[in-house]
C-alpha atoms as a PDB file:
ATOM      1  CA  UNK A   1     -20.402   6.497  36.822  1.00  0.00           C
ATOM      2  CA  UNK A   2     -18.456   7.353  33.692  1.00  0.00           C
ATOM      3  CA  UNK A   3     -20.408   7.536  30.437  1.00  0.00           C
ATOM      4  CA  UNK A   4     -19.633   4.847  27.933  1.00  0.00           C
ATOM      5  CA  UNK A   5     -17.681   6.174  24.976  1.00  0.00           C
ATOM      6  CA  UNK A   6     -19.156   5.428  21.591  1.00  0.00           C
ATOM      7  CA  UNK A   7     -17.135   3.871  18.851  1.00  0.00           C
ATOM      8  CA  UNK A   8     -15.926   6.454  16.378  1.00  0.00           C
ATOM      9  CA  UNK A   9     -16.175   5.289  12.800  1.00  0.00           C
ATOM     10  CA  UNK A  10     -13.331   5.773  10.365  1.00  0.00           C
ATOM     11  CA  UNK A  11      -9.648   6.234  10.931  1.00  0.00           C
ATOM     12  CA  UNK A  12      -8.201   7.320  14.259  1.00  0.00           C
ATOM     13  CA  UNK A  13      -7.340  11.009  14.452  1.00  0.00           C
ATOM     14  CA  UNK A  14      -4.020  11.662  12.765  1.00  0.00           C
ATOM     15  CA  UNK A  15      -3.944   8.341  10.918  1.00  0.00           C
ATOM     16  CA  UNK A  16      -3.176   8.234   7.225  1.00  0.00           C
ATOM     17  CA  UNK A  17      -3.744   5.545   4.654  1.00  0.00           C
ATOM     18  CA  UNK A  18      -0.540   6.271   2.746  1.00  0.00           C
ATOM     19  CA  UNK A  19       2.741   4.714   3.733  1.00  0.00           C
ATOM     20  CA  UNK A  20       5.657   5.777   1.562  1.00  0.00           C
ATOM     21  CA  UNK A  21       7.912   2.706   1.883  1.00  0.00           C
ATOM     22  CA  UNK A  22       5.436   0.130   0.525  1.00  0.00           C
ATOM     23  CA  UNK A  23       4.288   2.530  -2.209  1.00  0.00           C
ATOM     24  CA  UNK A  24       7.880   3.142  -3.323  1.00  0.00           C
ATOM     25  CA  UNK A  25       8.698  -0.587  -3.183  1.00  0.00           C
ATOM     26  CA  UNK A  26       5.597  -1.509  -5.194  1.00  0.00           C
ATOM     27  CA  UNK A  27       6.351   1.136  -7.807  1.00  0.00           C
ATOM     28  CA  UNK A  28       9.954  -0.013  -8.113  1.00  0.00           C
ATOM     29  CA  UNK A  29       8.830  -3.627  -8.530  1.00  0.00           C
ATOM     30  CA  UNK A  30       6.348  -2.698 -11.265  1.00  0.00           C
ATOM     31  CA  UNK A  31       8.918  -0.561 -13.080  1.00  0.00           C
ATOM     32  CA  UNK A  32      11.606  -3.273 -12.874  1.00  0.00           C
ATOM     33  CA  UNK A  33       9.329  -5.977 -14.262  1.00  0.00           C
ATOM     34  CA  UNK A  34       7.952  -3.656 -16.941  1.00  0.00           C
ATOM     35  CA  UNK A  35      11.397  -2.631 -18.192  1.00  0.00           C
ATOM     36  CA  UNK A  36      12.680  -6.220 -17.961  1.00  0.00           C
ATOM     37  CA  UNK A  37       9.792  -7.250 -20.240  1.00  0.00           C
ATOM     38  CA  UNK A  38      10.424  -4.307 -22.587  1.00  0.00           C
ATOM     39  CA  UNK A  39       6.963  -2.837 -22.072  1.00  0.00           C
ATOM     40  CA  UNK A  40       6.451   0.923 -22.337  1.00  0.00           C
ATOM     41  CA  UNK A  41       4.690   2.562 -19.404  1.00  0.00           C
ATOM     42  CA  UNK A  42       1.884   3.772 -21.661  1.00  0.00           C
ATOM     43  CA  UNK A  43       1.416   0.243 -23.035  1.00  0.00           C
ATOM     44  CA  UNK A  44       1.277  -1.249 -19.551  1.00  0.00           C
ATOM     45  CA  UNK A  45      -1.292   1.333 -18.480  1.00  0.00           C
ATOM     46  CA  UNK A  46      -3.393   0.504 -21.547  1.00  0.00           C
ATOM     47  CA  UNK A  47      -3.127  -3.257 -20.923  1.00  0.00           C
ATOM     48  CA  UNK A  48      -4.106  -2.740 -17.279  1.00  0.00           C
ATOM     49  CA  UNK A  49      -6.979  -0.428 -18.175  1.00  0.00           C
ATOM     50  CA  UNK A  50      -5.751   2.531 -16.135  1.00  0.00           C
ATOM     51  CA  UNK A  51      -4.646   6.061 -17.022  1.00  0.00           C
ATOM     52  CA  UNK A  52      -0.984   6.464 -17.998  1.00  0.00           C
ATOM     53  CA  UNK A  53      -0.569   9.335 -15.554  1.00  0.00           C
ATOM     54  CA  UNK A  54      -1.862   7.119 -12.739  1.00  0.00           C
ATOM     55  CA  UNK A  55       0.602   4.390 -13.745  1.00  0.00           C
ATOM     56  CA  UNK A  56       3.407   6.947 -13.565  1.00  0.00           C
ATOM     57  CA  UNK A  57       2.358   7.982 -10.070  1.00  0.00           C
ATOM     58  CA  UNK A  58       2.214   4.341  -8.990  1.00  0.00           C
ATOM     59  CA  UNK A  59       5.705   3.653 -10.373  1.00  0.00           C
ATOM     60  CA  UNK A  60       7.090   6.751  -8.629  1.00  0.00           C
ATOM     61  CA  UNK A  61       5.517   5.663  -5.348  1.00  0.00           C
ATOM     62  CA  UNK A  62       3.203   8.663  -5.229  1.00  0.00           C
ATOM     63  CA  UNK A  63       0.037   6.527  -5.198  1.00  0.00           C
ATOM     64  CA  UNK A  64      -0.690   3.231  -3.503  1.00  0.00           C
ATOM     65  CA  UNK A  65      -3.021   1.281  -5.787  1.00  0.00           C
ATOM     66  CA  UNK A  66      -6.107  -0.543  -4.608  1.00  0.00           C
ATOM     67  CA  UNK A  67      -6.246  -4.319  -4.694  1.00  0.00           C
ATOM     68  CA  UNK A  68      -8.275  -4.179  -7.919  1.00  0.00           C
ATOM     69  CA  UNK A  69      -5.558  -2.084  -9.603  1.00  0.00           C
ATOM     70  CA  UNK A  70      -2.801  -4.366  -8.296  1.00  0.00           C
ATOM     71  CA  UNK A  71      -4.615  -7.324  -9.856  1.00  0.00           C
ATOM     72  CA  UNK A  72      -4.967  -5.465 -13.183  1.00  0.00           C
ATOM     73  CA  UNK A  73      -1.271  -4.498 -13.224  1.00  0.00           C
ATOM     74  CA  UNK A  74      -0.184  -8.042 -12.369  1.00  0.00           C
ATOM     75  CA  UNK A  75      -2.352  -9.499 -15.143  1.00  0.00           C
ATOM     76  CA  UNK A  76      -1.009  -6.935 -17.629  1.00  0.00           C
ATOM     77  CA  UNK A  77       2.544  -7.924 -16.669  1.00  0.00           C
ATOM     78  CA  UNK A  78       1.750 -11.616 -17.078  1.00  0.00           C
ATOM     79  CA  UNK A  79       2.400 -12.249 -13.390  1.00  0.00           C
ATOM     80  CA  UNK A  80       0.287 -13.218 -10.433  1.00  0.00           C
ATOM     81  CA  UNK A  81      -0.514 -10.620  -7.811  1.00  0.00           C
ATOM     82  CA  UNK A  82       1.419 -12.825  -5.381  1.00  0.00           C
ATOM     83  CA  UNK A  83       4.566 -12.579  -7.511  1.00  0.00           C
ATOM     84  CA  UNK A  84       4.182  -8.823  -7.659  1.00  0.00           C
ATOM     85  CA  UNK A  85       3.767  -8.606  -3.875  1.00  0.00           C
ATOM     86  CA  UNK A  86       6.831 -10.840  -3.328  1.00  0.00           C
ATOM     87  CA  UNK A  87       8.846  -8.481  -5.554  1.00  0.00           C
ATOM     88  CA  UNK A  88       7.503  -5.568  -3.511  1.00  0.00           C
ATOM     89  CA  UNK A  89       8.440  -7.208  -0.206  1.00  0.00           C
ATOM     90  CA  UNK A  90      11.968  -7.835  -1.463  1.00  0.00           C
ATOM     91  CA  UNK A  91      12.342  -4.105  -2.130  1.00  0.00           C
ATOM     92  CA  UNK A  92      11.112  -2.929   1.271  1.00  0.00           C
ATOM     93  CA  UNK A  93      13.729  -1.297   3.497  1.00  0.00           C
ATOM     94  CA  UNK A  94      15.362  -3.841   5.783  1.00  0.00           C
ATOM     95  CA  UNK A  95      14.933  -6.777   3.382  1.00  0.00           C
END
């Protein structure tokens, strides 16, 4: 009889948590709304309560923010998180 395999916790081998396309689309959406509103990147970072350098990485698509950070950015932009996600979806390749 074959031994039962235990469940391995965590991500499958070779899996990553970073996907470039959504990160780039989210960053582009944030940057577009920010510039449309005439808000400096440093000001937006301050309003959202995050480091300016982190905001820059988010806008360049180098970091994918957590849900908590997405909510902070949306609030700082005067938008709902849903609006921000819709803007992101519209910028995904193939849309």
